[in-house]
PDB file of N, CA and C in Angstrom:
ATOM      1  N   MET A   1      68.141  52.788 130.076  1.00  0.00           N
ATOM      2  CA  MET A   1      67.362  51.613 130.366  1.00  0.00           C
ATOM      3  C   MET A   1      65.896  52.018 130.419  1.00  0.00           C
ATOM      4  N   ALA A   2      65.083  51.262 129.757  1.00  0.00           N
ATOM      5  CA  ALA A   2      63.651  51.551 129.720  1.00  0.00           C
ATOM      6  C   ALA A   2      62.983  51.005 130.979  1.00  0.00           C
ATOM      7  N   THR A   3      62.087  51.792 131.514  1.00  0.00           N
ATOM      8  CA  THR A   3      61.325  51.332 132.675  1.00  0.00           C
ATOM      9  C   THR A   3      59.903  51.076 132.230  1.00  0.00           C
ATOM     10  N   ARG A   4      59.309  50.078 132.807  1.00  0.00           N
ATOM     11  CA  ARG A   4      57.935  49.733 132.458  1.00  0.00           C
ATOM     12  C   ARG A   4      57.014  50.241 133.559  1.00  0.00           C
ATOM     13  N   SER A   5      55.954  50.857 133.137  1.00  0.00           N
ATOM     14  CA  SER A   5      54.964  51.370 134.073  1.00  0.00           C
ATOM     15  C   SER A   5      53.946  50.276 134.352  1.00  0.00           C
ATOM     16  N   ARG A   6      53.803  49.921 135.629  1.00  0.00           N
ATOM     17  CA  ARG A   6      52.815  48.916 136.017  1.00  0.00           C
ATOM     18  C   ARG A   6      51.638  49.639 136.638  1.00  0.00           C
ATOM     19  N   PRO A   7      50.443  49.418 136.107  1.00  0.00           N
ATOM     20  CA  PRO A   7      49.273  50.067 136.692  1.00  0.00           C
ATOM     21  C   PRO A   7      49.070  49.616 138.132  1.00  0.00           C
ATOM     22  N   GLY A   8      48.669  50.547 138.966  1.00  0.00           N
ATOM     23  CA  GLY A   8      48.458  50.246 140.368  1.00  0.00           C
ATOM     24  C   GLY A   8      47.002  50.286 140.755  1.00  0.00           C
ATOM     25  N   VAL A   9      46.784  50.289 142.055  1.00  0.00           N
ATOM     26  CA  VAL A   9      45.433  50.253 142.596  1.00  0.00           C
ATOM     27  C   VAL A   9      44.665  51.527 142.240  1.00  0.00           C
ATOM     28  N   VAL A  10      45.357  52.650 142.203  1.00  0.00           N
ATOM     29  CA  VAL A  10      44.683  53.907 141.888  1.00  0.00           C
ATOM     30  C   VAL A  10      44.150  53.881 140.447  1.00  0.00           C
ATOM     31  N   GLU A  11      44.964  53.388 139.524  1.00  0.00           N
ATOM     32  CA  GLU A  11      44.512  53.294 138.138  1.00  0.00           C
ATOM     33  C   GLU A  11      43.348  52.310 138.009  1.00  0.00           C
ATOM     34  N   MET A  12      43.431  51.202 138.757  1.00  0.00           N
ATOM     35  CA  MET A  12      42.343  50.225 138.725  1.00  0.00           C
ATOM     36  C   MET A  12      41.064  50.827 139.303  1.00  0.00           C
ATOM     37  N   ALA A  13      41.197  51.573 140.395  1.00  0.00           N
ATOM     38  CA  ALA A  13      40.024  52.202 141.007  1.00  0.00           C
ATOM     39  C   ALA A  13      39.416  53.251 140.085  1.00  0.00           C
ATOM     40  N   THR A  14      40.250  53.924 139.327  1.00  0.00           N
ATOM     41  CA  THR A  14      39.744  54.905 138.378  1.00  0.00           C
ATOM     42  C   THR A  14      39.009  54.227 137.225  1.00  0.00           C
ATOM     43  N   ALA A  15      39.540  53.110 136.761  1.00  0.00           N
ATOM     44  CA  ALA A  15      38.927  52.408 135.633  1.00  0.00           C
ATOM     45  C   ALA A  15      37.686  51.619 136.048  1.00  0.00           C
ATOM     46  N   HIS A  16      37.704  51.048 137.248  1.00  0.00           N
ATOM     47  CA  HIS A  16      36.594  50.214 137.720  1.00  0.00           C
ATOM     48  C   HIS A  16      36.220  50.606 139.154  1.00  0.00           C
ATOM     49  N   PRO A  17      35.575  51.758 139.347  1.00  0.00           N
ATOM     50  CA  PRO A  17      35.316  52.229 140.716  1.00  0.00           C
ATOM     51  C   PRO A  17      34.321  51.371 141.495  1.00  0.00           C
ATOM     52  N   ILE A  18      33.315  50.848 140.844  1.00  0.00           N
ATOM     53  CA  ILE A  18      32.300  50.077 141.573  1.00  0.00           C
ATOM     54  C   ILE A  18      32.879  48.743 142.018  1.00  0.00           C
ATOM     55  N   ARG A  19      33.557  48.050 141.127  1.00  0.00           N
ATOM     56  CA  ARG A  19      34.158  46.760 141.484  1.00  0.00           C
ATOM     57  C   ARG A  19      35.209  46.943 142.575  1.00  0.00           C
ATOM     58  N   THR A  20      36.022  47.974 142.471  1.00  0.00           N
ATOM     59  CA  THR A  20      37.037  48.223 143.487  1.00  0.00           C
ATOM     60  C   THR A  20      36.393  48.540 144.829  1.00  0.00           C
ATOM     61  N   GLY A  21      35.326  49.323 144.806  1.00  0.00           N
ATOM     62  CA  GLY A  21      34.644  49.651 146.053  1.00  0.00           C
ATOM     63  C   GLY A  21      34.017  48.453 146.722  1.00  0.00           C
ATOM     64  N   ILE A  22      33.373  47.605 145.913  1.00  0.00           N
ATOM     65  CA  ILE A  22      32.683  46.438 146.477  1.00  0.00           C
ATOM     66  C   ILE A  22      33.675  45.437 147.049  1.00  0.00           C
ATOM     67  N   TYR A  23      34.757  45.166 146.347  1.00  0.00           N
ATOM     68  CA  TYR A  23      35.664  44.107 146.770  1.00  0.00           C
ATOM     69  C   TYR A  23      36.847  44.580 147.608  1.00  0.00           C
ATOM     70  N   SER A  24      37.239  45.845 147.513  1.00  0.00           N
ATOM     71  CA  SER A  24      38.433  46.300 148.210  1.00  0.00           C
ATOM     72  C   SER A  24      38.152  47.242 149.367  1.00  0.00           C
ATOM     73  N   ILE A  25      37.071  47.993 149.303  1.00  0.00           N
ATOM     74  CA  ILE A  25      36.794  48.994 150.328  1.00  0.00           C
ATOM     75  C   ILE A  25      35.678  48.564 151.273  1.00  0.00           C
ATOM     76  N   LEU A  26      34.636  47.980 150.732  1.00  0.00           N
ATOM     77  CA  LEU A  26      33.477  47.603 151.544  1.00  0.00           C
ATOM     78  C   LEU A  26      33.771  46.537 152.608  1.00  0.00           C
ATOM     79  N   PRO A  27      34.515  45.465 152.321  1.00  0.00           N
ATOM     80  CA  PRO A  27      34.779  44.478 153.376  1.00  0.00           C
ATOM     81  C   PRO A  27      35.519  45.038 154.599  1.00  0.00           C
ATOM     82  N   PRO A  28      36.607  45.832 154.429  1.00  0.00           N
ATOM     83  CA  PRO A  28      37.233  46.396 155.626  1.00  0.00           C
ATOM     84  C   PRO A  28      36.325  47.376 156.380  1.00  0.00           C
ATOM     85  N   LEU A  29      35.521  48.151 155.647  1.00  0.00           N
ATOM     86  CA  LEU A  29      34.593  49.054 156.330  1.00  0.00           C
ATOM     87  C   LEU A  29      33.558  48.278 157.136  1.00  0.00           C
ATOM     88  N   THR A  30      33.071  47.173 156.588  1.00  0.00           N
ATOM     89  CA  THR A  30      32.129  46.325 157.310  1.00  0.00           C
ATOM     90  C   THR A  30      32.775  45.743 158.559  1.00  0.00           C
ATOM     91  N   ALA A  31      34.012  45.306 158.446  1.00  0.00           N
ATOM     92  CA  ALA A  31      34.723  44.745 159.592  1.00  0.00           C
ATOM     93  C   ALA A  31      34.936  45.786 160.688  1.00  0.00           C
ATOM     94  N   VAL A  32      35.331  46.987 160.301  1.00  0.00           N
ATOM     95  CA  VAL A  32      35.541  48.051 161.288  1.00  0.00           C
ATOM     96  C   VAL A  32      34.218  48.431 161.946  1.00  0.00           C
ATOM     97  N   ALA A  33      33.145  48.471 161.176  1.00  0.00           N
ATOM     98  CA  ALA A  33      31.834  48.788 161.754  1.00  0.00           C
ATOM     99  C   ALA A  33      31.400  47.723 162.748  1.00  0.00           C
ATOM    100  N   LEU A  34      31.617  46.458 162.429  1.00  0.00           N
ATOM    101  CA  LEU A  34      31.255  45.381 163.353  1.00  0.00           C
ATOM    102  C   LEU A  34      32.094  45.450 164.626  1.00  0.00           C
ATOM    103  N   LEU A  35      33.370  45.741 164.493  1.00  0.00           N
ATOM    104  CA  LEU A  35      34.218  45.893 165.685  1.00  0.00           C
ATOM    105  C   LEU A  35      33.755  47.067 166.542  1.00  0.00           C
ATOM    106  N   ALA A  36      33.412  48.168 165.901  1.00  0.00           N
ATOM    107  CA  ALA A  36      32.958  49.345 166.651  1.00  0.00           C
ATOM    108  C   ALA A  36      31.639  49.062 167.364  1.00  0.00           C
ATOM    109  N   ILE A  37      30.713  48.402 166.701  1.00  0.00           N
ATOM    110  CA  ILE A  37      29.426  48.082 167.321  1.00  0.00           C
ATOM    111  C   ILE A  37      29.629  47.147 168.507  1.00  0.00           C
ATOM    112  N   SER A  38      30.487  46.155 168.351  1.00  0.00           N
ATOM    113  CA  SER A  38      30.753  45.221 169.449  1.00  0.00           C
ATOM    114  C   SER A  38      31.413  45.925 170.627  1.00  0.00           C
ATOM    115  N   PHE A  39      32.327  46.819 170.334  1.00  0.00           N
ATOM    116  CA  PHE A  39      33.010  47.551 171.404  1.00  0.00           C
ATOM    117  C   PHE A  39      32.047  48.469 172.145  1.00  0.00           C
ATOM    118  N   VAL A  40      31.218  49.179 171.413  1.00  0.00           N
ATOM    119  CA  VAL A  40      30.272  50.117 172.024  1.00  0.00           C
ATOM    120  C   VAL A  40      29.267  49.387 172.916  1.00  0.00           C
ATOM    121  N   HIS A  41      28.823  48.219 172.482  1.00  0.00           N
ATOM    122  CA  HIS A  41      27.818  47.487 173.245  1.00  0.00           C
ATOM    123  C   HIS A  41      28.422  46.540 174.275  1.00  0.00           C
ATOM    124  N   GLY A  42      29.731  46.520 174.394  1.00  0.00           N
ATOM    125  CA  GLY A  42      30.390  45.725 175.418  1.00  0.00           C
ATOM    126  C   GLY A  42      30.374  44.232 175.152  1.00  0.00           C
ATOM    127  N   ALA A  43      30.224  43.835 173.921  1.00  0.00           N
ATOM    128  CA  ALA A  43      30.209  42.411 173.578  1.00  0.00           C
ATOM    129  C   ALA A  43      31.642  41.889 173.492  1.00  0.00           C
ATOM    130  N   SER A  44      31.759  40.589 173.482  1.00  0.00           N
ATOM    131  CA  SER A  44      33.059  39.956 173.315  1.00  0.00           C
ATOM    132  C   SER A  44      33.619  40.323 171.944  1.00  0.00           C
ATOM    133  N   LEU A  45      34.905  40.603 171.893  1.00  0.00           N
ATOM    134  CA  LEU A  45      35.526  40.993 170.629  1.00  0.00           C
ATOM    135  C   LEU A  45      36.169  39.814 169.913  1.00  0.00           C
ATOM    136  N   TRP A  46      35.981  38.595 170.438  1.00  0.00           N
ATOM    137  CA  TRP A  46      36.602  37.436 169.824  1.00  0.00           C
ATOM    138  C   TRP A  46      36.029  37.180 168.427  1.00  0.00           C
ATOM    139  N   PHE A  47      34.737  37.009 168.328  1.00  0.00           N
ATOM    140  CA  PHE A  47      34.130  36.731 167.019  1.00  0.00           C
ATOM    141  C   PHE A  47      34.271  37.913 166.055  1.00  0.00           C
ATOM    142  N   PRO A  48      33.973  39.133 166.474  1.00  0.00           N
ATOM    143  CA  PRO A  48      34.177  40.257 165.537  1.00  0.00           C
ATOM    144  C   PRO A  48      35.638  40.414 165.111  1.00  0.00           C
ATOM    145  N   GLY A  49      36.569  40.106 166.006  1.00  0.00           N
ATOM    146  CA  GLY A  49      37.990  40.181 165.638  1.00  0.00           C
ATOM    147  C   GLY A  49      38.359  39.148 164.590  1.00  0.00           C
ATOM    148  N   ALA A  50      37.831  37.923 164.756  1.00  0.00           N
ATOM    149  CA  ALA A  50      38.084  36.880 163.765  1.00  0.00           C
ATOM    150  C   ALA A  50      37.430  37.245 162.428  1.00  0.00           C
ATOM    151  N   PHE A  51      36.221  37.774 162.501  1.00  0.00           N
ATOM    152  CA  PHE A  51      35.525  38.200 161.293  1.00  0.00           C
ATOM    153  C   PHE A  51      36.305  39.315 160.593  1.00  0.00           C
ATOM    154  N   ALA A  52      36.777  40.282 161.356  1.00  0.00           N
ATOM    155  CA  ALA A  52      37.533  41.398 160.776  1.00  0.00           C
ATOM    156  C   ALA A  52      38.823  40.908 160.123  1.00  0.00           C
ATOM    157  N   THR A  53      39.492  39.980 160.773  1.00  0.00           N
ATOM    158  CA  THR A  53      40.713  39.419 160.193  1.00  0.00           C
ATOM    159  C   THR A  53      40.410  38.737 158.865  1.00  0.00           C
ATOM    160  N   GLY A  54      39.348  37.964 158.841  1.00  0.00           N
ATOM    161  CA  GLY A  54      38.952  37.300 157.600  1.00  0.00           C
ATOM    162  C   GLY A  54      38.569  38.279 156.509  1.00  0.00           C
ATOM    163  N   MET A  55      37.855  39.334 156.875  1.00  0.00           N
ATOM    164  CA  MET A  55      37.433  40.317 155.874  1.00  0.00           C
ATOM    165  C   MET A  55      38.628  41.099 155.318  1.00  0.00           C
ATOM    166  N   PHE A  56      39.585  41.441 156.184  1.00  0.00           N
ATOM    167  CA  PHE A  56      40.780  42.128 155.699  1.00  0.00           C
ATOM    168  C   PHE A  56      41.593  41.217 154.785  1.00  0.00           C
ATOM    169  N   ALA A  57      41.706  39.940 155.158  1.00  0.00           N
ATOM    170  CA  ALA A  57      42.435  38.994 154.302  1.00  0.00           C
ATOM    171  C   ALA A  57      41.718  38.822 152.971  1.00  0.00           C
ATOM    172  N   PHE A  58      40.393  38.703 153.002  1.00  0.00           N
ATOM    173  CA  PHE A  58      39.608  38.584 151.769  1.00  0.00           C
ATOM    174  C   PHE A  58      39.834  39.797 150.870  1.00  0.00           C
ATOM    175  N   ALA A  59      39.765  40.984 151.455  1.00  0.00           N
ATOM    176  CA  ALA A  59      39.938  42.207 150.663  1.00  0.00           C
ATOM    177  C   ALA A  59      41.334  42.267 150.044  1.00  0.00           C
ATOM    178  N   ALA A  60      42.349  41.849 150.801  1.00  0.00           N
ATOM    179  CA  ALA A  60      43.712  41.880 150.271  1.00  0.00           C
ATOM    180  C   ALA A  60      43.880  40.903 149.111  1.00  0.00           C
ATOM    181  N   VAL A  61      43.372  39.689 149.278  1.00  0.00           N
ATOM    182  CA  VAL A  61      43.518  38.682 148.223  1.00  0.00           C
ATOM    183  C   VAL A  61      42.734  39.082 146.977  1.00  0.00           C
ATOM    184  N   VAL A  62      41.500  39.533 147.164  1.00  0.00           N
ATOM    185  CA  VAL A  62      40.670  39.894 146.007  1.00  0.00           C
ATOM    186  C   VAL A  62      41.227  41.130 145.299  1.00  0.00           C
ATOM    187  N   THR A  63      41.752  42.075 146.054  1.00  0.00           N
ATOM    188  CA  THR A  63      42.349  43.263 145.440  1.00  0.00           C
ATOM    189  C   THR A  63      43.562  42.880 144.595  1.00  0.00           C
ATOM    190  N   ARG A  64      44.399  42.002 145.124  1.00  0.00           N
ATOM    191  CA  ARG A  64      45.565  41.563 144.343  1.00  0.00           C
ATOM    192  C   ARG A  64      45.134  40.802 143.092  1.00  0.00           C
ATOM    193  N   HIS A  65      44.097  40.003 143.217  1.00  0.00           N
ATOM    194  CA  HIS A  65      43.587  39.255 142.070  1.00  0.00           C
ATOM    195  C   HIS A  65      43.048  40.200 140.993  1.00  0.00           C
ATOM    196  N   HIS A  66      42.231  41.151 141.394  1.00  0.00           N
ATOM    197  CA  HIS A  66      41.670  42.093 140.421  1.00  0.00           C
ATOM    198  C   HIS A  66      42.757  42.986 139.825  1.00  0.00           C
ATOM    199  N   LEU A  67      43.767  43.320 140.618  1.00  0.00           N
ATOM    200  CA  LEU A  67      44.871  44.114 140.089  1.00  0.00           C
ATOM    201  C   LEU A  67      45.654  43.316 139.047  1.00  0.00           C
ATOM    202  N   ALA A  68      45.853  42.029 139.291  1.00  0.00           N
ATOM    203  CA  ALA A  68      46.537  41.186 138.301  1.00  0.00           C
ATOM    204  C   ALA A  68      45.727  41.099 137.011  1.00  0.00           C
ATOM    205  N   LEU A  69      44.404  40.912 137.147  1.00  0.00           N
ATOM    206  CA  LEU A  69      43.556  40.877 135.954  1.00  0.00           C
ATOM    207  C   LEU A  69      43.588  42.204 135.211  1.00  0.00           C
ATOM    208  N   PHE A  70      43.611  43.306 135.948  1.00  0.00           N
ATOM    209  CA  PHE A  70      43.654  44.628 135.341  1.00  0.00           C
ATOM    210  C   PHE A  70      44.962  44.824 134.581  1.00  0.00           C
ATOM    211  N   ARG A  71      46.076  44.390 135.182  1.00  0.00           N
ATOM    212  CA  ARG A  71      47.367  44.524 134.507  1.00  0.00           C
ATOM    213  C   ARG A  71      47.428  43.665 133.248  1.00  0.00           C
ATOM    214  N   ILE A  72      46.886  42.455 133.326  1.00  0.00           N
ATOM    215  CA  ILE A  72      46.870  41.594 132.143  1.00  0.00           C
ATOM    216  C   ILE A  72      46.038  42.230 131.032  1.00  0.00           C
ATOM    217  N   ALA A  73      44.888  42.787 131.395  1.00  0.00           N
ATOM    218  CA  ALA A  73      44.042  43.446 130.393  1.00  0.00           C
ATOM    219  C   ALA A  73      44.771  44.626 129.760  1.00  0.00           C
ATOM    220  N   ARG A  74      45.502  45.386 130.568  1.00  0.00           N
ATOM    221  CA  ARG A  74      46.258  46.514 130.015  1.00  0.00           C
ATOM    222  C   ARG A  74      47.353  46.039 129.064  1.00  0.00           C
ATOM    223  N   ILE A  75      48.033  44.948 129.417  1.00  0.00           N
ATOM    224  CA  ILE A  75      49.081  44.411 128.540  1.00  0.00           C
ATOM    225  C   ILE A  75      48.475  43.930 127.234  1.00  0.00           C
ATOM    226  N   GLU A  76      47.363  43.199 127.313  1.00  0.00           N
ATOM    227  CA  GLU A  76      46.708  42.719 126.094  1.00  0.00           C
ATOM    228  C   GLU A  76      46.240  43.879 125.227  1.00  0.00           C
ATOM    229  N   GLU A  77      45.732  44.931 125.875  1.00  0.00           N
ATOM    230  CA  GLU A  77      45.279  46.109 125.124  1.00  0.00           C
ATOM    231  C   GLU A  77      46.447  46.776 124.406  1.00  0.00           C
ATOM    232  N   SER A  78      47.577  46.895 125.073  1.00  0.00           N
ATOM    233  CA  SER A  78      48.739  47.534 124.446  1.00  0.00           C
ATOM    234  C   SER A  78      49.299  46.667 123.318  1.00  0.00           C
ATOM    235  N   LEU A  79      49.201  45.341 123.449  1.00  0.00           N
ATOM    236  CA  LEU A  79      49.661  44.471 122.375  1.00  0.00           C
ATOM    237  C   LEU A  79      48.745  44.550 121.153  1.00  0.00           C
ATOM    238  N   ARG A  80      47.453  44.715 121.379  1.00  0.00           N
ATOM    239  CA  ARG A  80      46.524  44.854 120.250  1.00  0.00           C
ATOM    240  C   ARG A  80      46.758  46.145 119.480  1.00  0.00           C
ATOM    241  N   ARG A  81      47.085  47.206 120.234  1.00  0.00           N
ATOM    242  CA  ARG A  81      47.316  48.500 119.583  1.00  0.00           C
ATOM    243  C   ARG A  81      48.620  48.506 118.800  1.00  0.00           C
ATOM    244  N   GLY A  82      49.540  47.675 119.214  1.00  0.00           N
ATOM    245  CA  GLY A  82      50.797  47.573 118.473  1.00  0.00           C
ATOM    246  C   GLY A  82      51.874  48.244 119.124  1.00  0.00           C
TER     247      GLY A  82
END
């Protein structure tokens, strides 16, 4: 039985490092930094927690979207090559 190789996040990050960094890595890092700053300064964690949740959700959705586009591009490329 033939198995099909599906490109993953690592292959996408290798092919498009800047886009992957901006949309998949930077939002969670920003959220963690905001949580750390709020914790260190003794501020309420309600707003930073909501912001962090939103940023993690955004990163997950955008990463899945870009991964789907990357897989489609790979399929189209393989079909063009024959």
